[in-house]
Amino acid sequence: MKSGNGYIQAYNCQAAVDAEHQIIVAQAATNQAPDQEHLAPMLDAVIENCGHAPDAFSADAGYWSESNAIHCEDANCDAYLATGRQAHGHKPDEPATDLDANAKRKAMRAKLRTPEGKSVYARRKAIVEPVFGQIKEAQGYRRFLLRGINMVRCEWSIICTAHNLLKLFRARCAAVPGVAQ
């Protein structure tokens, strides 16, 4: 991946997370920096793993593209995709200042400004972001131990599986009286 000082060996890890239990339902690791190209394969993986499209699907601005919005529509998934970063001091209810003529982008911005859109998108902070925090901080996975994209994909899969097993174990312990975590 390109960095400020040239190219470095780095990876971009993706995770689609269940809103109710923070279980990772799809994951991928690539050596491609832009998130935009990963939305469609991740949504397809969620559908394959879960048997159906999620009722709602949210993603940050890095995933926005008109083709991604169309892919979500084609999958019958109610998508809430940020269309750009909010400038510091810019209120979300203010009209966008750019001269964007893209109808899909304008429609998505309008959807995100509705009370339902604000509510669904705001939940991202409590659904997927904590999962990456738990993996990095609580489990201590700050860098990959293996090298090469195939080995990193295997390691990321194991990390995600460990996360899910810990979630299931803790949920079971919480449900059974007298069982300590």
N, C-alpha and C. Protein backbone atom coordinates (compact mmCIF):
# COMPACT_ATOMS: atom_id res chain seq x y z
N MET A 1 0.84 -1.19 0.00
CA MET A 1 0.00 0.00 0.00
C MET A 1 0.88 1.24 0.00
N LYS A 2 0.38 2.28 -0.62
CA LYS A 2 1.12 3.53 -0.69
C LYS A 2 0.99 4.28 0.64
N SER A 3 2.12 4.78 1.12
CA SER A 3 2.12 5.60 2.33
C SER A 3 2.78 6.92 2.00
N GLY A 4 2.92 7.77 2.98
CA GLY A 4 3.55 9.06 2.77
C GLY A 4 5.01 8.96 2.36
N ASN A 5 5.65 7.84 2.69
CA ASN A 5 7.08 7.66 2.39
C ASN A 5 7.32 6.59 1.33
N GLY A 6 6.36 6.29 0.50
CA GLY A 6 6.53 5.26 -0.51
C GLY A 6 5.52 4.16 -0.30
N TYR A 7 5.95 2.92 -0.52
CA TYR A 7 5.06 1.78 -0.38
C TYR A 7 5.47 0.93 0.82
N ILE A 8 4.47 0.41 1.52
CA ILE A 8 4.73 -0.44 2.68
C ILE A 8 3.89 -1.72 2.54
N GLN A 9 4.30 -2.76 3.23
CA GLN A 9 3.51 -3.98 3.26
C GLN A 9 2.41 -3.77 4.29
N ALA A 10 1.19 -3.63 3.80
CA ALA A 10 0.05 -3.36 4.67
C ALA A 10 -1.19 -4.03 4.10
N TYR A 11 -2.21 -4.13 4.92
CA TYR A 11 -3.41 -4.83 4.50
C TYR A 11 -4.64 -4.05 4.95
N ASN A 12 -5.72 -4.23 4.23
CA ASN A 12 -6.99 -3.59 4.51
C ASN A 12 -7.97 -4.69 4.92
N CYS A 13 -8.36 -4.69 6.17
CA CYS A 13 -9.26 -5.73 6.69
C CYS A 13 -10.68 -5.21 6.75
N GLN A 14 -11.60 -6.04 6.30
CA GLN A 14 -13.01 -5.70 6.26
C GLN A 14 -13.77 -6.65 7.18
N ALA A 15 -14.85 -6.14 7.75
CA ALA A 15 -15.73 -6.98 8.56
C ALA A 15 -17.16 -6.44 8.47
N ALA A 16 -18.09 -7.33 8.23
CA ALA A 16 -19.51 -7.00 8.29
C ALA A 16 -20.01 -7.60 9.60
N VAL A 17 -20.71 -6.77 10.38
CA VAL A 17 -21.05 -7.14 11.75
C VAL A 17 -22.56 -7.11 11.97
N ASP A 18 -23.04 -8.14 12.66
CA ASP A 18 -24.44 -8.23 13.05
C ASP A 18 -24.75 -7.15 14.09
N ALA A 19 -25.83 -6.42 13.88
CA ALA A 19 -26.16 -5.29 14.75
C ALA A 19 -26.60 -5.72 16.15
N GLU A 20 -27.17 -6.89 16.27
CA GLU A 20 -27.72 -7.31 17.56
C GLU A 20 -26.66 -7.82 18.53
N HIS A 21 -25.68 -8.58 18.02
CA HIS A 21 -24.74 -9.24 18.92
C HIS A 21 -23.27 -8.92 18.64
N GLN A 22 -22.99 -8.09 17.66
CA GLN A 22 -21.61 -7.76 17.25
C GLN A 22 -20.84 -9.01 16.82
N ILE A 23 -21.51 -9.91 16.14
CA ILE A 23 -20.88 -11.09 15.57
C ILE A 23 -20.46 -10.74 14.14
N ILE A 24 -19.25 -11.10 13.78
CA ILE A 24 -18.76 -10.85 12.43
C ILE A 24 -19.40 -11.90 11.51
N VAL A 25 -20.18 -11.45 10.53
CA VAL A 25 -20.88 -12.36 9.63
C VAL A 25 -20.19 -12.50 8.28
N ALA A 26 -19.24 -11.63 7.99
CA ALA A 26 -18.43 -11.73 6.78
C ALA A 26 -17.15 -10.95 7.02
N GLN A 27 -16.05 -11.43 6.44
CA GLN A 27 -14.77 -10.76 6.62
C GLN A 27 -13.90 -10.97 5.39
N ALA A 28 -12.94 -10.08 5.22
CA ALA A 28 -11.99 -10.19 4.11
C ALA A 28 -10.76 -9.36 4.45
N ALA A 29 -9.64 -9.75 3.87
CA ALA A 29 -8.40 -8.98 3.99
C ALA A 29 -7.83 -8.85 2.58
N THR A 30 -7.44 -7.62 2.23
CA THR A 30 -6.87 -7.37 0.91
C THR A 30 -5.64 -6.48 1.05
N ASN A 31 -4.96 -6.31 -0.06
CA ASN A 31 -3.84 -5.37 -0.09
C ASN A 31 -4.20 -4.14 -0.91
N GLN A 32 -5.49 -3.88 -1.06
CA GLN A 32 -5.99 -2.72 -1.78
C GLN A 32 -6.52 -1.70 -0.78
N ALA A 33 -6.00 -0.49 -0.83
CA ALA A 33 -6.34 0.53 0.16
C ALA A 33 -7.77 1.04 0.08
N PRO A 34 -8.32 1.36 -1.09
CA PRO A 34 -9.65 1.97 -1.10
C PRO A 34 -10.72 0.99 -0.63
N ASP A 35 -11.60 1.46 0.25
CA ASP A 35 -12.69 0.62 0.75
C ASP A 35 -13.79 0.46 -0.28
N GLN A 36 -13.93 1.41 -1.17
CA GLN A 36 -15.03 1.46 -2.12
C GLN A 36 -15.23 0.14 -2.87
N GLU A 37 -14.15 -0.48 -3.30
CA GLU A 37 -14.26 -1.70 -4.09
C GLU A 37 -14.63 -2.93 -3.26
N HIS A 38 -14.69 -2.79 -1.95
CA HIS A 38 -14.94 -3.94 -1.09
C HIS A 38 -16.40 -4.06 -0.65
N LEU A 39 -17.22 -3.05 -0.87
CA LEU A 39 -18.60 -3.11 -0.39
C LEU A 39 -19.39 -4.22 -1.05
N ALA A 40 -19.38 -4.30 -2.37
CA ALA A 40 -20.18 -5.31 -3.07
C ALA A 40 -19.76 -6.74 -2.68
N PRO A 41 -18.46 -7.07 -2.68
CA PRO A 41 -18.09 -8.42 -2.25
C PRO A 41 -18.47 -8.72 -0.80
N MET A 42 -18.37 -7.73 0.08
CA MET A 42 -18.75 -7.96 1.48
C MET A 42 -20.25 -8.18 1.61
N LEU A 43 -21.05 -7.39 0.91
CA LEU A 43 -22.50 -7.58 0.95
C LEU A 43 -22.86 -8.95 0.39
N ASP A 44 -22.21 -9.35 -0.70
CA ASP A 44 -22.45 -10.68 -1.27
C ASP A 44 -22.07 -11.78 -0.28
N ALA A 45 -20.98 -11.59 0.45
CA ALA A 45 -20.55 -12.58 1.45
C ALA A 45 -21.55 -12.65 2.60
N VAL A 46 -22.10 -11.51 3.01
CA VAL A 46 -23.12 -11.51 4.06
C VAL A 46 -24.34 -12.31 3.60
N ILE A 47 -24.77 -12.07 2.37
CA ILE A 47 -25.93 -12.79 1.83
C ILE A 47 -25.64 -14.28 1.76
N GLU A 48 -24.44 -14.64 1.30
CA GLU A 48 -24.08 -16.06 1.22
C GLU A 48 -24.00 -16.71 2.60
N ASN A 49 -23.39 -16.01 3.56
CA ASN A 49 -23.22 -16.58 4.90
C ASN A 49 -24.52 -16.63 5.70
N CYS A 50 -25.38 -15.65 5.50
CA CYS A 50 -26.60 -15.55 6.31
C CYS A 50 -27.86 -16.04 5.59
N GLY A 51 -27.76 -16.23 4.29
CA GLY A 51 -28.91 -16.72 3.53
C GLY A 51 -29.85 -15.65 3.02
N HIS A 52 -29.59 -14.40 3.37
CA HIS A 52 -30.43 -13.29 2.89
C HIS A 52 -29.69 -11.98 3.12
N ALA A 53 -30.16 -10.95 2.44
CA ALA A 53 -29.57 -9.63 2.60
C ALA A 53 -30.00 -9.05 3.94
N PRO A 54 -29.17 -8.22 4.56
CA PRO A 54 -29.60 -7.57 5.80
C PRO A 54 -30.73 -6.59 5.52
N ASP A 55 -31.56 -6.37 6.52
CA ASP A 55 -32.65 -5.40 6.35
C ASP A 55 -32.09 -4.01 6.08
N ALA A 56 -31.06 -3.64 6.83
CA ALA A 56 -30.40 -2.35 6.65
C ALA A 56 -28.89 -2.58 6.67
N PHE A 57 -28.18 -1.71 5.99
CA PHE A 57 -26.74 -1.86 5.82
C PHE A 57 -26.15 -0.47 5.85
N SER A 58 -25.20 -0.21 6.74
CA SER A 58 -24.59 1.12 6.79
C SER A 58 -23.09 1.00 6.57
N ALA A 59 -22.52 2.02 5.96
CA ALA A 59 -21.08 2.05 5.71
C ALA A 59 -20.63 3.49 5.64
N ASP A 60 -19.35 3.72 6.00
CA ASP A 60 -18.85 5.09 6.02
C ASP A 60 -18.53 5.60 4.62
N ALA A 61 -18.07 6.82 4.54
CA ALA A 61 -17.89 7.52 3.27
C ALA A 61 -16.90 6.83 2.34
N GLY A 62 -15.97 6.06 2.86
CA GLY A 62 -15.01 5.38 2.02
C GLY A 62 -15.65 4.34 1.10
N TYR A 63 -16.85 3.91 1.41
CA TYR A 63 -17.53 2.89 0.62
C TYR A 63 -18.48 3.46 -0.41
N TRP A 64 -18.70 4.76 -0.40
CA TRP A 64 -19.68 5.34 -1.30
C TRP A 64 -19.23 5.26 -2.76
N SER A 65 -20.13 4.83 -3.60
CA SER A 65 -20.05 4.98 -5.06
C SER A 65 -21.46 4.72 -5.58
N GLU A 66 -21.74 5.26 -6.73
CA GLU A 66 -23.06 5.03 -7.31
C GLU A 66 -23.26 3.54 -7.59
N SER A 67 -22.21 2.86 -8.05
CA SER A 67 -22.35 1.43 -8.34
C SER A 67 -22.61 0.64 -7.05
N ASN A 68 -22.03 1.07 -5.91
CA ASN A 68 -22.32 0.39 -4.64
C ASN A 68 -23.76 0.61 -4.22
N ALA A 69 -24.27 1.82 -4.42
CA ALA A 69 -25.68 2.10 -4.09
C ALA A 69 -26.60 1.23 -4.95
N ILE A 70 -26.26 1.08 -6.22
CA ILE A 70 -27.06 0.25 -7.12
C ILE A 70 -26.97 -1.22 -6.70
N HIS A 71 -25.78 -1.67 -6.33
CA HIS A 71 -25.60 -3.06 -5.90
C HIS A 71 -26.47 -3.36 -4.67
N CYS A 72 -26.52 -2.42 -3.73
CA CYS A 72 -27.37 -2.60 -2.54
C CYS A 72 -28.85 -2.66 -2.92
N GLU A 73 -29.26 -1.79 -3.84
CA GLU A 73 -30.64 -1.82 -4.31
C GLU A 73 -30.97 -3.15 -4.97
N ASP A 74 -30.05 -3.63 -5.82
CA ASP A 74 -30.27 -4.90 -6.52
C ASP A 74 -30.37 -6.07 -5.55
N ALA A 75 -29.68 -5.97 -4.40
CA ALA A 75 -29.72 -7.03 -3.38
C ALA A 75 -30.91 -6.85 -2.43
N ASN A 76 -31.78 -5.87 -2.70
CA ASN A 76 -32.93 -5.57 -1.84
C ASN A 76 -32.49 -5.26 -0.42
N CYS A 77 -31.43 -4.48 -0.31
CA CYS A 77 -30.88 -4.10 0.98
C CYS A 77 -31.03 -2.60 1.15
N ASP A 78 -31.59 -2.18 2.25
CA ASP A 78 -31.79 -0.77 2.54
C ASP A 78 -30.46 -0.19 3.02
N ALA A 79 -29.73 0.44 2.12
CA ALA A 79 -28.38 0.92 2.42
C ALA A 79 -28.39 2.36 2.93
N TYR A 80 -27.49 2.61 3.88
CA TYR A 80 -27.24 3.94 4.42
C TYR A 80 -25.74 4.18 4.29
N LEU A 81 -25.34 4.75 3.15
CA LEU A 81 -23.93 4.95 2.85
C LEU A 81 -23.60 6.43 2.92
N ALA A 82 -22.66 6.78 3.76
CA ALA A 82 -22.23 8.18 3.81
C ALA A 82 -21.64 8.55 2.46
N THR A 83 -21.94 9.73 1.99
CA THR A 83 -21.50 10.14 0.66
C THR A 83 -20.25 11.02 0.69
N GLY A 84 -19.81 11.37 1.86
CA GLY A 84 -18.61 12.20 2.01
C GLY A 84 -18.42 12.52 3.48
N ARG A 85 -17.29 13.04 3.78
CA ARG A 85 -16.99 13.40 5.16
C ARG A 85 -17.63 14.75 5.48
N GLN A 86 -18.07 14.88 6.70
CA GLN A 86 -18.67 16.13 7.15
C GLN A 86 -17.56 17.07 7.61
N ALA A 87 -17.54 18.26 7.04
CA ALA A 87 -16.52 19.24 7.41
C ALA A 87 -16.73 19.68 8.85
N HIS A 88 -15.63 19.97 9.55
CA HIS A 88 -15.69 20.43 10.93
C HIS A 88 -16.53 21.69 11.01
N GLY A 89 -17.51 21.69 11.90
CA GLY A 89 -18.37 22.85 12.07
C GLY A 89 -19.56 22.87 11.13
N HIS A 90 -19.62 21.95 10.18
CA HIS A 90 -20.72 21.88 9.22
C HIS A 90 -21.84 21.05 9.84
N LYS A 91 -23.01 21.61 9.94
CA LYS A 91 -24.13 20.88 10.52
C LYS A 91 -24.71 19.92 9.49
N PRO A 92 -25.07 18.71 9.92
CA PRO A 92 -25.57 17.72 8.97
C PRO A 92 -26.85 18.13 8.25
N ASP A 93 -27.67 18.99 8.85
CA ASP A 93 -28.92 19.40 8.21
C ASP A 93 -28.73 20.49 7.17
N GLU A 94 -27.53 21.09 7.13
CA GLU A 94 -27.29 22.12 6.13
C GLU A 94 -27.14 21.48 4.77
N PRO A 95 -27.59 22.15 3.71
CA PRO A 95 -27.41 21.57 2.38
C PRO A 95 -25.93 21.45 2.04
N ALA A 96 -25.60 20.46 1.25
CA ALA A 96 -24.21 20.27 0.84
C ALA A 96 -23.77 21.45 -0.02
N THR A 97 -22.53 21.84 0.12
CA THR A 97 -22.04 23.01 -0.60
C THR A 97 -21.43 22.68 -1.95
N ASP A 98 -21.19 21.39 -2.22
CA ASP A 98 -20.58 21.06 -3.51
C ASP A 98 -21.63 21.11 -4.61
N LEU A 99 -21.18 21.16 -5.82
CA LEU A 99 -22.08 21.24 -6.97
C LEU A 99 -22.27 19.85 -7.57
N ASP A 100 -22.62 18.91 -6.75
CA ASP A 100 -22.76 17.53 -7.18
C ASP A 100 -24.06 17.34 -7.94
N ALA A 101 -23.96 16.82 -9.15
CA ALA A 101 -25.15 16.63 -9.97
C ALA A 101 -25.62 15.18 -9.93
N ASN A 102 -24.96 14.34 -9.16
CA ASN A 102 -25.29 12.92 -9.11
C ASN A 102 -26.59 12.71 -8.34
N ALA A 103 -27.60 12.19 -9.01
CA ALA A 103 -28.91 12.01 -8.38
C ALA A 103 -28.88 10.98 -7.26
N LYS A 104 -28.16 9.87 -7.46
CA LYS A 104 -28.09 8.84 -6.41
C LYS A 104 -27.42 9.39 -5.15
N ARG A 105 -26.36 10.17 -5.34
CA ARG A 105 -25.66 10.76 -4.20
C ARG A 105 -26.59 11.72 -3.47
N LYS A 106 -27.29 12.56 -4.21
CA LYS A 106 -28.22 13.50 -3.59
C LYS A 106 -29.33 12.76 -2.83
N ALA A 107 -29.83 11.68 -3.43
CA ALA A 107 -30.89 10.90 -2.78
C ALA A 107 -30.37 10.26 -1.49
N MET A 108 -29.13 9.75 -1.52
CA MET A 108 -28.57 9.13 -0.32
C MET A 108 -28.34 10.18 0.75
N ARG A 109 -27.85 11.35 0.37
CA ARG A 109 -27.66 12.42 1.36
C ARG A 109 -28.98 12.80 2.00
N ALA A 110 -30.03 12.91 1.19
CA ALA A 110 -31.35 13.25 1.72
C ALA A 110 -31.84 12.15 2.66
N LYS A 111 -31.60 10.90 2.29
CA LYS A 111 -32.02 9.76 3.12
C LYS A 111 -31.29 9.79 4.47
N LEU A 112 -30.00 10.11 4.45
CA LEU A 112 -29.22 10.15 5.69
C LEU A 112 -29.61 11.33 6.58
N ARG A 113 -30.26 12.34 6.03
CA ARG A 113 -30.68 13.50 6.82
C ARG A 113 -32.04 13.30 7.49
N THR A 114 -32.76 12.25 7.10
CA THR A 114 -34.05 11.98 7.74
C THR A 114 -33.80 11.47 9.16
N PRO A 115 -34.78 11.57 10.05
CA PRO A 115 -34.59 11.04 11.41
C PRO A 115 -34.22 9.55 11.41
N GLU A 116 -34.88 8.77 10.54
CA GLU A 116 -34.54 7.34 10.46
C GLU A 116 -33.10 7.16 9.95
N GLY A 117 -32.73 7.91 8.93
CA GLY A 117 -31.38 7.81 8.37
C GLY A 117 -30.31 8.17 9.39
N LYS A 118 -30.56 9.23 10.16
CA LYS A 118 -29.62 9.63 11.21
C LYS A 118 -29.48 8.54 12.26
N SER A 119 -30.62 7.95 12.62
CA SER A 119 -30.63 6.92 13.65
C SER A 119 -29.89 5.66 13.18
N VAL A 120 -30.18 5.20 11.98
CA VAL A 120 -29.54 3.99 11.46
C VAL A 120 -28.05 4.21 11.30
N TYR A 121 -27.65 5.33 10.71
CA TYR A 121 -26.23 5.58 10.47
C TYR A 121 -25.47 5.78 11.79
N ALA A 122 -26.09 6.42 12.75
CA ALA A 122 -25.43 6.65 14.04
C ALA A 122 -25.13 5.34 14.77
N ARG A 123 -25.92 4.32 14.51
CA ARG A 123 -25.70 3.02 15.16
C ARG A 123 -24.39 2.36 14.73
N ARG A 124 -23.81 2.79 13.60
CA ARG A 124 -22.52 2.24 13.16
C ARG A 124 -21.49 2.32 14.27
N LYS A 125 -21.52 3.44 15.00
CA LYS A 125 -20.54 3.64 16.08
C LYS A 125 -20.67 2.60 17.18
N ALA A 126 -21.85 2.03 17.32
CA ALA A 126 -22.07 1.03 18.37
C ALA A 126 -22.11 -0.40 17.82
N ILE A 127 -21.99 -0.56 16.51
CA ILE A 127 -22.06 -1.89 15.92
C ILE A 127 -20.68 -2.35 15.45
N VAL A 128 -20.14 -1.69 14.45
CA VAL A 128 -18.90 -2.20 13.84
C VAL A 128 -17.64 -1.61 14.47
N GLU A 129 -17.66 -0.36 14.85
CA GLU A 129 -16.45 0.25 15.40
C GLU A 129 -15.96 -0.44 16.68
N PRO A 130 -16.86 -0.81 17.61
CA PRO A 130 -16.39 -1.52 18.80
C PRO A 130 -15.73 -2.87 18.49
N VAL A 131 -16.16 -3.52 17.42
CA VAL A 131 -15.56 -4.81 17.06
C VAL A 131 -14.08 -4.63 16.74
N PHE A 132 -13.76 -3.62 15.93
CA PHE A 132 -12.36 -3.36 15.61
C PHE A 132 -11.59 -2.94 16.86
N GLY A 133 -12.23 -2.18 17.75
CA GLY A 133 -11.60 -1.80 19.01
C GLY A 133 -11.33 -3.01 19.89
N GLN A 134 -12.29 -3.92 19.96
CA GLN A 134 -12.11 -5.13 20.78
C GLN A 134 -10.99 -6.00 20.22
N ILE A 135 -10.93 -6.11 18.91
CA ILE A 135 -9.87 -6.92 18.29
C ILE A 135 -8.50 -6.28 18.53
N LYS A 136 -8.41 -4.97 18.34
CA LYS A 136 -7.12 -4.29 18.47
C LYS A 136 -6.68 -4.13 19.92
N GLU A 137 -7.57 -3.68 20.76
CA GLU A 137 -7.17 -3.34 22.13
C GLU A 137 -7.36 -4.49 23.12
N ALA A 138 -8.58 -5.04 23.18
CA ALA A 138 -8.85 -6.09 24.17
C ALA A 138 -8.12 -7.38 23.85
N GLN A 139 -8.07 -7.74 22.57
CA GLN A 139 -7.38 -8.97 22.19
C GLN A 139 -5.91 -8.74 21.83
N GLY A 140 -5.54 -7.50 21.63
CA GLY A 140 -4.13 -7.17 21.38
C GLY A 140 -3.63 -7.41 19.97
N TYR A 141 -4.53 -7.54 18.99
CA TYR A 141 -4.09 -7.73 17.60
C TYR A 141 -3.83 -6.37 16.96
N ARG A 142 -2.60 -5.94 17.00
CA ARG A 142 -2.23 -4.64 16.43
C ARG A 142 -1.52 -4.78 15.09
N ARG A 143 -0.98 -5.96 14.80
CA ARG A 143 -0.31 -6.21 13.53
C ARG A 143 -0.33 -7.70 13.24
N PHE A 144 -0.18 -8.02 11.97
CA PHE A 144 -0.19 -9.42 11.58
C PHE A 144 1.16 -10.05 11.87
N LEU A 145 1.12 -11.30 12.25
CA LEU A 145 2.34 -12.06 12.52
C LEU A 145 2.87 -12.72 11.25
N LEU A 146 1.97 -13.00 10.32
CA LEU A 146 2.34 -13.68 9.09
C LEU A 146 2.51 -12.67 7.95
N ARG A 147 3.15 -13.10 6.88
CA ARG A 147 3.36 -12.21 5.73
C ARG A 147 2.82 -12.86 4.47
N GLY A 148 2.45 -12.03 3.54
CA GLY A 148 1.87 -12.49 2.28
C GLY A 148 0.36 -12.46 2.38
N ILE A 149 -0.28 -12.07 1.30
CA ILE A 149 -1.73 -11.86 1.33
C ILE A 149 -2.51 -13.12 1.70
N ASN A 150 -2.10 -14.28 1.20
CA ASN A 150 -2.82 -15.51 1.53
C ASN A 150 -2.71 -15.85 3.00
N MET A 151 -1.54 -15.69 3.57
CA MET A 151 -1.36 -15.98 5.00
C MET A 151 -2.09 -14.95 5.87
N VAL A 152 -2.09 -13.69 5.45
CA VAL A 152 -2.80 -12.65 6.19
C VAL A 152 -4.31 -12.91 6.15
N ARG A 153 -4.80 -13.36 5.02
CA ARG A 153 -6.23 -13.70 4.94
C ARG A 153 -6.58 -14.81 5.93
N CYS A 154 -5.72 -15.81 6.02
CA CYS A 154 -5.93 -16.89 6.99
C CYS A 154 -5.88 -16.36 8.42
N GLU A 155 -4.89 -15.51 8.70
CA GLU A 155 -4.76 -14.96 10.05
C GLU A 155 -5.96 -14.08 10.40
N TRP A 156 -6.42 -13.25 9.47
CA TRP A 156 -7.58 -12.39 9.72
C TRP A 156 -8.83 -13.25 9.97
N SER A 157 -8.96 -14.33 9.24
CA SER A 157 -10.09 -15.24 9.44
C SER A 157 -10.05 -15.84 10.85
N ILE A 158 -8.86 -16.22 11.31
CA ILE A 158 -8.72 -16.77 12.66
C ILE A 158 -9.03 -15.70 13.71
N ILE A 159 -8.56 -14.48 13.49
CA ILE A 159 -8.83 -13.38 14.41
C ILE A 159 -10.33 -13.13 14.52
N CYS A 160 -11.03 -13.12 13.38
CA CYS A 160 -12.48 -12.90 13.38
C CYS A 160 -13.21 -14.06 14.06
N THR A 161 -12.74 -15.27 13.81
CA THR A 161 -13.34 -16.43 14.47
C THR A 161 -13.14 -16.36 15.98
N ALA A 162 -11.94 -15.98 16.41
CA ALA A 162 -11.68 -15.83 17.85
C ALA A 162 -12.61 -14.77 18.45
N HIS A 163 -12.79 -13.66 17.75
CA HIS A 163 -13.71 -12.61 18.22
C HIS A 163 -15.11 -13.20 18.41
N ASN A 164 -15.60 -13.92 17.40
CA ASN A 164 -16.94 -14.49 17.48
C ASN A 164 -17.06 -15.51 18.60
N LEU A 165 -16.05 -16.35 18.76
CA LEU A 165 -16.08 -17.34 19.84
C LEU A 165 -16.11 -16.67 21.21
N LEU A 166 -15.33 -15.61 21.37
CA LEU A 166 -15.36 -14.87 22.64
C LEU A 166 -16.74 -14.26 22.89
N LYS A 167 -17.35 -13.70 21.85
CA LYS A 167 -18.70 -13.13 22.00
C LYS A 167 -19.70 -14.22 22.42
N LEU A 168 -19.63 -15.36 21.76
CA LEU A 168 -20.56 -16.45 22.08
C LEU A 168 -20.30 -17.00 23.48
N PHE A 169 -19.04 -17.15 23.86
CA PHE A 169 -18.69 -17.64 25.18
C PHE A 169 -19.20 -16.68 26.26
N ARG A 170 -18.96 -15.40 26.08
CA ARG A 170 -19.39 -14.41 27.08
C ARG A 170 -20.91 -14.34 27.16
N ALA A 171 -21.58 -14.47 26.03
CA ALA A 171 -23.05 -14.46 26.03
C ALA A 171 -23.58 -15.69 26.78
N ARG A 172 -22.95 -16.83 26.57
CA ARG A 172 -23.35 -18.06 27.27
C ARG A 172 -23.11 -17.94 28.76
N CYS A 173 -21.93 -17.40 29.13
CA CYS A 173 -21.62 -17.24 30.55
C CYS A 173 -22.59 -16.28 31.22
N ALA A 174 -22.98 -15.24 30.52
CA ALA A 174 -23.91 -14.28 31.09
C ALA A 174 -25.30 -14.88 31.26
N ALA A 175 -25.64 -15.86 30.41
CA ALA A 175 -26.97 -16.48 30.47
C ALA A 175 -27.09 -17.57 31.52
N VAL A 176 -25.96 -18.12 31.95
CA VAL A 176 -25.98 -19.21 32.92
C VAL A 176 -25.59 -18.66 34.29
N PRO A 177 -26.51 -18.70 35.26
CA PRO A 177 -26.20 -18.17 36.60
C PRO A 177 -25.05 -18.95 37.24
N GLY A 178 -24.17 -18.23 37.89
CA GLY A 178 -23.07 -18.85 38.62
C GLY A 178 -21.85 -19.18 37.79
N VAL A 179 -21.88 -18.92 36.49
CA VAL A 179 -20.72 -19.21 35.63
C VAL A 179 -19.94 -17.91 35.50
N ALA A 180 -18.68 -17.95 35.93
CA ALA A 180 -17.84 -16.76 35.88
C ALA A 180 -17.17 -16.65 34.52
N GLN A 181 -16.91 -15.43 34.13
CA GLN A 181 -16.22 -15.21 32.86
C GLN A 181 -14.77 -15.25 33.10
